[in-house]
Amino acid sequence: MTRGASLVVSILLVTGLGALFTSGSAEDGLFGTPKGVEGTRIFKAAEHPFYSGMFRLKGGGTILIGSMRDQSPWDHLDYSGKQLNPVQGGIEIDVNEVTNNGRVIAEFVESADRYRIVFDRFTARAPFQDGGIATRVYEHGDSGNGDPLYPKTWLYLGGWGAATMWKNDQVLYKDYDAHFMVMERSRDPKTHEVRYPVKRTLPGGETDPAAMEIDLWVRSKEQNPNNFPPFETFVHLCWEEVTWR
């Protein structure tokens, strides 16, 4: 048999085997074959057979929005990015999304004062919060979930509940409402501006899916309309360096 004829036979053999394997896969519904109209939709975490629910992350590049010494009126969302205060510190997240328990610990230093936040009581006040810890959901903006004070963002992980905050080993705020988000990047990496709200021409939120951040809020139940957001106390931290452990 000539070299050319041998090459043709080899091609036909490989093609035939490929067609046979493909046909068998499609017919038997083996791995890699979409079922019905599933296509490439994003599945809920619990639809994965080996989902553990365990999330372990840490954050660096700590930013305090505003200052712990701010006097009312203040702005602790700071869309313009003009009142960001880089501080020493970090955050560690170790939670189970299935059982809705675990612990989030954030620490930072401002001037000569050391602060520590322990967020370990998770409860849901809305169905999307999924018992207190949720993953793979949209929140804020026009998502229909949460308040509209922040852009609509995809939460890789979020938690809601109560936290206690210490200042130099003394309790500063006990059992205050708390919320953390592992989310798409909300601030421009150069100007640190949150581009929100803007008139959108596309359905996605005003965040950047090319990066992520961790945000943590601790706030009082008492209101103060002179502040933004309108709470008597609203401690807001952000971590721009996110590491999955």
C-alpha atoms as a PDB file:
ATOM      1  CA  MET A   1       0.000   0.000   0.000  1.00  0.00           C
ATOM      2  CA  THR A   2       1.322   3.399  -0.946  1.00  0.00           C
ATOM      3  CA  ARG A   3       1.901   6.157   1.637  1.00  0.00           C
ATOM      4  CA  GLY A   4      -1.017   8.163   0.182  1.00  0.00           C
ATOM      5  CA  ALA A   5      -3.417   5.246   0.375  1.00  0.00           C
ATOM      6  CA  SER A   6      -2.320   4.464   3.931  1.00  0.00           C
ATOM      7  CA  LEU A   7      -3.000   8.082   4.963  1.00  0.00           C
ATOM      8  CA  VAL A   8      -6.504   7.973   3.463  1.00  0.00           C
ATOM      9  CA  VAL A   9      -7.318   4.734   5.311  1.00  0.00           C
ATOM     10  CA  SER A  10      -6.070   6.218   8.598  1.00  0.00           C
ATOM     11  CA  ILE A  11      -8.202   9.334   8.171  1.00  0.00           C
ATOM     12  CA  LEU A  12     -11.287   7.270   7.385  1.00  0.00           C
ATOM     13  CA  LEU A  13     -10.679   5.013  10.379  1.00  0.00           C
ATOM     14  CA  VAL A  14     -10.269   7.934  12.801  1.00  0.00           C
ATOM     15  CA  THR A  15     -13.319   9.690  11.359  1.00  0.00           C
ATOM     16  CA  GLY A  16     -15.398   6.575  11.708  1.00  0.00           C
ATOM     17  CA  LEU A  17     -14.344   6.011  15.303  1.00  0.00           C
ATOM     18  CA  GLY A  18     -15.045   9.666  16.148  1.00  0.00           C
ATOM     19  CA  ALA A  19     -18.504   9.466  14.658  1.00  0.00           C
ATOM     20  CA  LEU A  20     -19.175   6.227  16.524  1.00  0.00           C
ATOM     21  CA  PHE A  21     -18.014   7.736  19.857  1.00  0.00           C
ATOM     22  CA  THR A  22     -20.006  10.930  19.296  1.00  0.00           C
ATOM     23  CA  SER A  23     -23.117   9.027  18.344  1.00  0.00           C
ATOM     24  CA  GLY A  24     -22.809   6.783  21.394  1.00  0.00           C
ATOM     25  CA  SER A  25     -22.240   9.742  23.710  1.00  0.00           C
ATOM     26  CA  ALA A  26     -25.229  11.637  22.418  1.00  0.00           C
ATOM     27  CA  GLU A  27     -27.416   8.555  22.554  1.00  0.00           C
ATOM     28  CA  ASP A  28     -26.331   7.481  26.030  1.00  0.00           C
ATOM     29  CA  GLY A  29     -26.226  10.985  27.549  1.00  0.00           C
ATOM     30  CA  LEU A  30     -22.664  10.588  28.759  1.00  0.00           C
ATOM     31  CA  PHE A  31     -20.422  13.325  30.176  1.00  0.00           C
ATOM     32  CA  GLY A  32     -20.186  16.385  27.935  1.00  0.00           C
ATOM     33  CA  THR A  33     -23.611  16.008  26.328  1.00  0.00           C
ATOM     34  CA  PRO A  34     -26.127  18.769  27.244  1.00  0.00           C
ATOM     35  CA  LYS A  35     -29.413  17.422  28.513  1.00  0.00           C
ATOM     36  CA  GLY A  36     -32.393  18.922  26.746  1.00  0.00           C
ATOM     37  CA  VAL A  37     -32.146  22.721  26.689  1.00  0.00           C
ATOM     38  CA  GLU A  38     -29.577  23.103  29.513  1.00  0.00           C
ATOM     39  CA  GLY A  39     -26.939  24.468  27.187  1.00  0.00           C
ATOM     40  CA  THR A  40     -24.524  26.704  29.092  1.00  0.00           C
ATOM     41  CA  ARG A  41     -26.843  28.144  31.751  1.00  0.00           C
ATOM     42  CA  ILE A  42     -25.359  28.918  35.149  1.00  0.00           C
ATOM     43  CA  PHE A  43     -26.371  26.251  37.632  1.00  0.00           C
ATOM     44  CA  LYS A  44     -27.188  26.842  41.260  1.00  0.00           C
ATOM     45  CA  ALA A  45     -24.484  25.607  43.600  1.00  0.00           C
ATOM     46  CA  ALA A  46     -26.694  22.848  44.994  1.00  0.00           C
ATOM     47  CA  GLU A  47     -27.158  21.420  41.480  1.00  0.00           C
ATOM     48  CA  HIS A  48     -23.524  20.278  41.516  1.00  0.00           C
ATOM     49  CA  PRO A  49     -23.301  16.745  42.967  1.00  0.00           C
ATOM     50  CA  PHE A  50     -20.046  17.378  44.878  1.00  0.00           C
ATOM     51  CA  TYR A  51     -20.914  20.815  46.249  1.00  0.00           C
ATOM     52  CA  SER A  52     -19.466  21.114  49.779  1.00  0.00           C
ATOM     53  CA  GLY A  53     -20.801  24.548  50.642  1.00  0.00           C
ATOM     54  CA  MET A  54     -17.470  25.412  52.274  1.00  0.00           C
ATOM     55  CA  PHE A  55     -15.960  28.794  51.415  1.00  0.00           C
ATOM     56  CA  ARG A  56     -12.574  29.926  52.732  1.00  0.00           C
ATOM     57  CA  LEU A  57     -11.286  33.287  51.516  1.00  0.00           C
ATOM     58  CA  LYS A  58      -9.164  36.154  52.706  1.00  0.00           C
ATOM     59  CA  GLY A  59      -8.858  39.754  51.651  1.00  0.00           C
ATOM     60  CA  GLY A  60      -5.990  42.238  51.577  1.00  0.00           C
ATOM     61  CA  GLY A  61      -5.558  45.807  50.423  1.00  0.00           C
ATOM     62  CA  THR A  62      -7.919  47.006  53.144  1.00  0.00           C
ATOM     63  CA  ILE A  63      -9.831  50.246  52.576  1.00  0.00           C
ATOM     64  CA  LEU A  64     -11.975  52.010  55.164  1.00  0.00           C
ATOM     65  CA  ILE A  65     -14.563  54.206  53.480  1.00  0.00           C
ATOM     66  CA  GLY A  66     -14.445  57.423  55.444  1.00  0.00           C
ATOM     67  CA  SER A  67     -13.084  57.321  58.989  1.00  0.00           C
ATOM     68  CA  MET A  68     -14.094  55.973  62.370  1.00  0.00           C
ATOM     69  CA  ARG A  69     -13.742  59.564  63.624  1.00  0.00           C
ATOM     70  CA  ASP A  70     -16.193  61.095  61.125  1.00  0.00           C
ATOM     71  CA  GLN A  71     -18.815  63.416  62.532  1.00  0.00           C
ATOM     72  CA  SER A  72     -22.307  63.568  61.040  1.00  0.00           C
ATOM     73  CA  PRO A  73     -23.093  64.301  58.281  1.00  0.00           C
ATOM     74  CA  TRP A  74     -20.875  61.796  56.497  1.00  0.00           C
ATOM     75  CA  ASP A  75     -20.853  59.685  53.312  1.00  0.00           C
ATOM     76  CA  HIS A  76     -19.683  56.103  53.852  1.00  0.00           C
ATOM     77  CA  LEU A  77     -20.562  54.827  50.382  1.00  0.00           C
ATOM     78  CA  ASP A  78     -18.471  57.507  48.647  1.00  0.00           C
ATOM     79  CA  TYR A  79     -19.299  56.865  44.992  1.00  0.00           C
ATOM     80  CA  SER A  80     -16.760  59.537  43.997  1.00  0.00           C
ATOM     81  CA  GLY A  81     -13.880  57.685  45.689  1.00  0.00           C
ATOM     82  CA  LYS A  82     -12.605  60.828  47.416  1.00  0.00           C
ATOM     83  CA  GLN A  83     -12.840  59.638  51.035  1.00  0.00           C
ATOM     84  CA  LEU A  84     -11.129  56.255  50.889  1.00  0.00           C
ATOM     85  CA  ASN A  85      -8.754  55.494  53.726  1.00  0.00           C
ATOM     86  CA  PRO A  86      -6.206  52.678  53.121  1.00  0.00           C
ATOM     87  CA  VAL A  87      -5.500  50.976  56.459  1.00  0.00           C
ATOM     88  CA  GLN A  88      -3.524  48.014  57.715  1.00  0.00           C
ATOM     89  CA  GLY A  89      -5.652  44.939  58.175  1.00  0.00           C
ATOM     90  CA  GLY A  90      -7.428  42.069  56.486  1.00  0.00           C
ATOM     91  CA  ILE A  91     -10.472  39.850  56.449  1.00  0.00           C
ATOM     92  CA  GLU A  92     -10.860  36.073  56.703  1.00  0.00           C
ATOM     93  CA  ILE A  93     -14.030  34.292  55.636  1.00  0.00           C
ATOM     94  CA  ASP A  94     -14.643  30.702  56.721  1.00  0.00           C
ATOM     95  CA  VAL A  95     -18.299  29.778  56.238  1.00  0.00           C
ATOM     96  CA  ASN A  96     -20.561  26.937  55.140  1.00  0.00           C
ATOM     97  CA  GLU A  97     -23.238  28.112  52.713  1.00  0.00           C
ATOM     98  CA  VAL A  98     -25.282  24.925  53.122  1.00  0.00           C
ATOM     99  CA  THR A  99     -25.572  25.060  56.917  1.00  0.00           C
ATOM    100  CA  ASN A 100     -25.468  28.878  57.131  1.00  0.00           C
ATOM    101  CA  ASN A 101     -22.796  29.050  59.790  1.00  0.00           C
ATOM    102  CA  GLY A 102     -19.143  29.891  60.187  1.00  0.00           C
ATOM    103  CA  ARG A 103     -17.217  33.062  60.919  1.00  0.00           C
ATOM    104  CA  VAL A 104     -16.026  36.244  59.242  1.00  0.00           C
ATOM    105  CA  ILE A 105     -13.270  38.145  61.057  1.00  0.00           C
ATOM    106  CA  ALA A 106     -12.078  41.572  59.919  1.00  0.00           C
ATOM    107  CA  GLU A 107      -9.305  43.555  61.587  1.00  0.00           C
ATOM    108  CA  PHE A 108      -7.826  46.965  60.833  1.00  0.00           C
ATOM    109  CA  VAL A 109      -5.848  49.775  62.428  1.00  0.00           C
ATOM    110  CA  GLU A 110      -6.681  53.447  62.131  1.00  0.00           C
ATOM    111  CA  SER A 111      -4.281  55.881  63.811  1.00  0.00           C
ATOM    112  CA  ALA A 112      -3.443  54.275  67.159  1.00  0.00           C
ATOM    113  CA  ASP A 113      -6.699  52.323  67.440  1.00  0.00           C
ATOM    114  CA  ARG A 114      -7.180  48.635  66.639  1.00  0.00           C
ATOM    115  CA  TYR A 115     -10.571  47.392  65.469  1.00  0.00           C
ATOM    116  CA  ARG A 116     -11.904  43.863  65.182  1.00  0.00           C
ATOM    117  CA  ILE A 117     -15.219  42.706  63.721  1.00  0.00           C
ATOM    118  CA  VAL A 118     -16.577  39.222  64.386  1.00  0.00           C
ATOM    119  CA  PHE A 119     -19.509  38.278  62.160  1.00  0.00           C
ATOM    120  CA  ASP A 120     -20.747  34.814  63.107  1.00  0.00           C
ATOM    121  CA  ARG A 121     -24.551  34.956  63.334  1.00  0.00           C
ATOM    122  CA  PHE A 122     -26.216  34.539  59.979  1.00  0.00           C
ATOM    123  CA  THR A 123     -29.956  34.965  59.421  1.00  0.00           C
ATOM    124  CA  ALA A 124     -32.131  35.640  56.383  1.00  0.00           C
ATOM    125  CA  ARG A 125     -34.706  38.381  56.090  1.00  0.00           C
ATOM    126  CA  ALA A 126     -35.520  37.674  52.433  1.00  0.00           C
ATOM    127  CA  PRO A 127     -35.746  34.479  50.361  1.00  0.00           C
ATOM    128  CA  PHE A 128     -32.725  35.350  48.185  1.00  0.00           C
ATOM    129  CA  GLN A 129     -30.546  35.372  51.326  1.00  0.00           C
ATOM    130  CA  ASP A 130     -31.048  31.599  51.498  1.00  0.00           C
ATOM    131  CA  GLY A 131     -30.936  31.150  55.273  1.00  0.00           C
ATOM    132  CA  GLY A 132     -28.277  33.815  55.895  1.00  0.00           C
ATOM    133  CA  ILE A 133     -25.457  32.821  53.508  1.00  0.00           C
ATOM    134  CA  ALA A 134     -26.007  32.627  49.753  1.00  0.00           C
ATOM    135  CA  THR A 135     -23.963  32.113  46.618  1.00  0.00           C
ATOM    136  CA  ARG A 136     -24.524  32.878  42.940  1.00  0.00           C
ATOM    137  CA  VAL A 137     -27.137  35.625  43.242  1.00  0.00           C
ATOM    138  CA  TYR A 138     -27.572  39.196  42.043  1.00  0.00           C
ATOM    139  CA  GLU A 139     -28.079  41.911  44.639  1.00  0.00           C
ATOM    140  CA  HIS A 140     -28.590  45.696  44.835  1.00  0.00           C
ATOM    141  CA  GLY A 141     -29.245  48.113  42.007  1.00  0.00           C
ATOM    142  CA  ASP A 142     -32.285  47.063  39.963  1.00  0.00           C
ATOM    143  CA  SER A 143     -31.816  43.361  40.744  1.00  0.00           C
ATOM    144  CA  GLY A 144     -34.893  43.255  42.974  1.00  0.00           C
ATOM    145  CA  ASN A 145     -32.743  41.883  45.801  1.00  0.00           C
ATOM    146  CA  GLY A 146     -31.565  44.132  48.607  1.00  0.00           C
ATOM    147  CA  ASP A 147     -31.557  47.924  48.647  1.00  0.00           C
ATOM    148  CA  PRO A 148     -30.655  50.059  45.593  1.00  0.00           C
ATOM    149  CA  LEU A 149     -27.840  51.965  47.324  1.00  0.00           C
ATOM    150  CA  TYR A 150     -25.133  50.025  45.467  1.00  0.00           C
ATOM    151  CA  PRO A 151     -24.836  48.870  41.838  1.00  0.00           C
ATOM    152  CA  LYS A 152     -26.393  45.607  40.808  1.00  0.00           C
ATOM    153  CA  THR A 153     -23.629  43.064  41.334  1.00  0.00           C
ATOM    154  CA  TRP A 154     -23.082  39.331  41.053  1.00  0.00           C
ATOM    155  CA  LEU A 155     -22.375  37.845  44.467  1.00  0.00           C
ATOM    156  CA  TYR A 156     -19.986  34.932  44.418  1.00  0.00           C
ATOM    157  CA  LEU A 157     -20.849  34.760  48.105  1.00  0.00           C
ATOM    158  CA  GLY A 158     -22.842  36.916  50.508  1.00  0.00           C
ATOM    159  CA  GLY A 159     -23.860  36.836  54.153  1.00  0.00           C
ATOM    160  CA  TRP A 160     -26.429  38.653  56.300  1.00  0.00           C
ATOM    161  CA  GLY A 161     -26.895  38.739  60.059  1.00  0.00           C
ATOM    162  CA  ALA A 162     -25.341  40.310  63.142  1.00  0.00           C
ATOM    163  CA  ALA A 163     -21.782  41.188  64.156  1.00  0.00           C
ATOM    164  CA  THR A 164     -19.939  42.630  67.137  1.00  0.00           C
ATOM    165  CA  MET A 165     -17.145  45.166  66.751  1.00  0.00           C
ATOM    166  CA  TRP A 166     -14.321  45.878  69.212  1.00  0.00           C
ATOM    167  CA  LYS A 167     -12.101  48.924  69.614  1.00  0.00           C
ATOM    168  CA  ASN A 168      -8.876  48.238  71.519  1.00  0.00           C
ATOM    169  CA  ASP A 169     -10.417  45.151  73.178  1.00  0.00           C
ATOM    170  CA  GLN A 170     -13.539  47.029  74.279  1.00  0.00           C
ATOM    171  CA  VAL A 171     -16.907  46.313  72.702  1.00  0.00           C
ATOM    172  CA  LEU A 172     -17.829  49.238  70.475  1.00  0.00           C
ATOM    173  CA  TYR A 173     -20.937  47.927  68.706  1.00  0.00           C
ATOM    174  CA  LYS A 174     -22.717  44.782  69.895  1.00  0.00           C
ATOM    175  CA  ASP A 175     -25.074  42.728  67.726  1.00  0.00           C
ATOM    176  CA  TYR A 176     -25.241  45.296  64.925  1.00  0.00           C
ATOM    177  CA  ASP A 177     -26.689  44.424  61.534  1.00  0.00           C
ATOM    178  CA  ALA A 178     -23.964  43.192  59.191  1.00  0.00           C
ATOM    179  CA  HIS A 179     -23.574  42.176  55.562  1.00  0.00           C
ATOM    180  CA  PHE A 180     -20.583  40.902  53.585  1.00  0.00           C
ATOM    181  CA  MET A 181     -20.249  40.465  49.833  1.00  0.00           C
ATOM    182  CA  VAL A 182     -17.669  38.711  47.688  1.00  0.00           C
ATOM    183  CA  MET A 183     -18.607  40.554  44.535  1.00  0.00           C
ATOM    184  CA  GLU A 184     -17.577  41.939  41.173  1.00  0.00           C
ATOM    185  CA  ARG A 185     -15.313  44.973  41.327  1.00  0.00           C
ATOM    186  CA  SER A 186     -17.361  48.106  41.936  1.00  0.00           C
ATOM    187  CA  ARG A 187     -14.653  50.814  41.780  1.00  0.00           C
ATOM    188  CA  ASP A 188     -12.600  52.021  38.853  1.00  0.00           C
ATOM    189  CA  PRO A 189      -9.038  50.704  39.463  1.00  0.00           C
ATOM    190  CA  LYS A 190      -7.526  54.126  38.670  1.00  0.00           C
ATOM    191  CA  THR A 191     -10.004  56.682  40.017  1.00  0.00           C
ATOM    192  CA  HIS A 192     -11.708  54.433  42.624  1.00  0.00           C
ATOM    193  CA  GLU A 193     -15.009  55.908  41.503  1.00  0.00           C
ATOM    194  CA  VAL A 194     -18.199  53.832  41.662  1.00  0.00           C
ATOM    195  CA  ARG A 195     -19.972  54.636  38.399  1.00  0.00           C
ATOM    196  CA  TYR A 196     -23.450  54.590  39.856  1.00  0.00           C
ATOM    197  CA  PRO A 197     -26.160  55.395  39.193  1.00  0.00           C
ATOM    198  CA  VAL A 198     -25.901  55.880  35.443  1.00  0.00           C
ATOM    199  CA  LYS A 199     -28.292  55.468  32.548  1.00  0.00           C
ATOM    200  CA  ARG A 200     -27.547  51.946  31.383  1.00  0.00           C
ATOM    201  CA  THR A 201     -27.775  50.707  27.805  1.00  0.00           C
ATOM    202  CA  LEU A 202     -26.926  47.096  28.720  1.00  0.00           C
ATOM    203  CA  PRO A 203     -28.696  44.881  31.289  1.00  0.00           C
ATOM    204  CA  GLY A 204     -25.655  44.140  33.467  1.00  0.00           C
ATOM    205  CA  GLY A 205     -24.862  46.200  36.536  1.00  0.00           C
ATOM    206  CA  GLU A 206     -22.259  48.965  36.737  1.00  0.00           C
ATOM    207  CA  THR A 207     -19.623  46.614  38.139  1.00  0.00           C
ATOM    208  CA  ASP A 208     -16.603  45.055  36.399  1.00  0.00           C
ATOM    209  CA  PRO A 209     -16.669  41.224  36.151  1.00  0.00           C
ATOM    210  CA  ALA A 210     -12.934  41.238  35.307  1.00  0.00           C
ATOM    211  CA  ALA A 211     -12.071  41.538  39.008  1.00  0.00           C
ATOM    212  CA  MET A 212     -13.611  41.081  42.433  1.00  0.00           C
ATOM    213  CA  GLU A 213     -13.640  42.628  45.887  1.00  0.00           C
ATOM    214  CA  ILE A 214     -14.959  41.935  49.369  1.00  0.00           C
ATOM    215  CA  ASP A 215     -17.228  44.484  51.038  1.00  0.00           C
ATOM    216  CA  LEU A 216     -18.352  44.437  54.681  1.00  0.00           C
ATOM    217  CA  TRP A 217     -20.909  46.711  56.311  1.00  0.00           C
ATOM    218  CA  VAL A 218     -21.782  46.994  60.006  1.00  0.00           C
ATOM    219  CA  ARG A 219     -24.664  49.335  60.750  1.00  0.00           C
ATOM    220  CA  SER A 220     -26.991  50.429  63.516  1.00  0.00           C
ATOM    221  CA  LYS A 221     -30.756  50.100  63.512  1.00  0.00           C
ATOM    222  CA  GLU A 222     -31.005  53.781  64.473  1.00  0.00           C
ATOM    223  CA  GLN A 223     -31.571  56.080  61.512  1.00  0.00           C
ATOM    224  CA  ASN A 224     -30.002  59.454  60.751  1.00  0.00           C
ATOM    225  CA  PRO A 225     -31.205  61.129  57.525  1.00  0.00           C
ATOM    226  CA  ASN A 226     -28.203  63.479  57.558  1.00  0.00           C
ATOM    227  CA  ASN A 227     -25.860  60.579  56.789  1.00  0.00           C
ATOM    228  CA  PHE A 228     -25.437  58.473  53.678  1.00  0.00           C
ATOM    229  CA  PRO A 229     -26.549  55.760  53.996  1.00  0.00           C
ATOM    230  CA  PRO A 230     -29.108  57.160  56.473  1.00  0.00           C
ATOM    231  CA  PHE A 231     -27.974  55.313  59.607  1.00  0.00           C
ATOM    232  CA  GLU A 232     -26.546  56.607  62.858  1.00  0.00           C
ATOM    233  CA  THR A 233     -23.634  54.185  62.400  1.00  0.00           C
ATOM    234  CA  PHE A 234     -22.425  52.649  59.151  1.00  0.00           C
ATOM    235  CA  VAL A 235     -18.926  51.139  59.103  1.00  0.00           C
ATOM    236  CA  HIS A 236     -17.924  50.209  55.562  1.00  0.00           C
ATOM    237  CA  LEU A 237     -14.765  48.321  54.583  1.00  0.00           C
ATOM    238  CA  CYS A 238     -13.542  47.036  51.226  1.00  0.00           C
ATOM    239  CA  TRP A 239     -10.744  44.607  50.275  1.00  0.00           C
ATOM    240  CA  GLU A 240      -9.386  44.819  46.755  1.00  0.00           C
ATOM    241  CA  GLU A 241      -7.176  41.720  46.960  1.00  0.00           C
ATOM    242  CA  VAL A 242      -9.187  38.504  47.171  1.00  0.00           C
ATOM    243  CA  THR A 243      -7.627  35.083  47.705  1.00  0.00           C
ATOM    244  CA  TRP A 244      -9.538  31.813  47.650  1.00  0.00           C
ATOM    245  CA  ARG A 245      -8.000  29.290  50.031  1.00  0.00           C
END
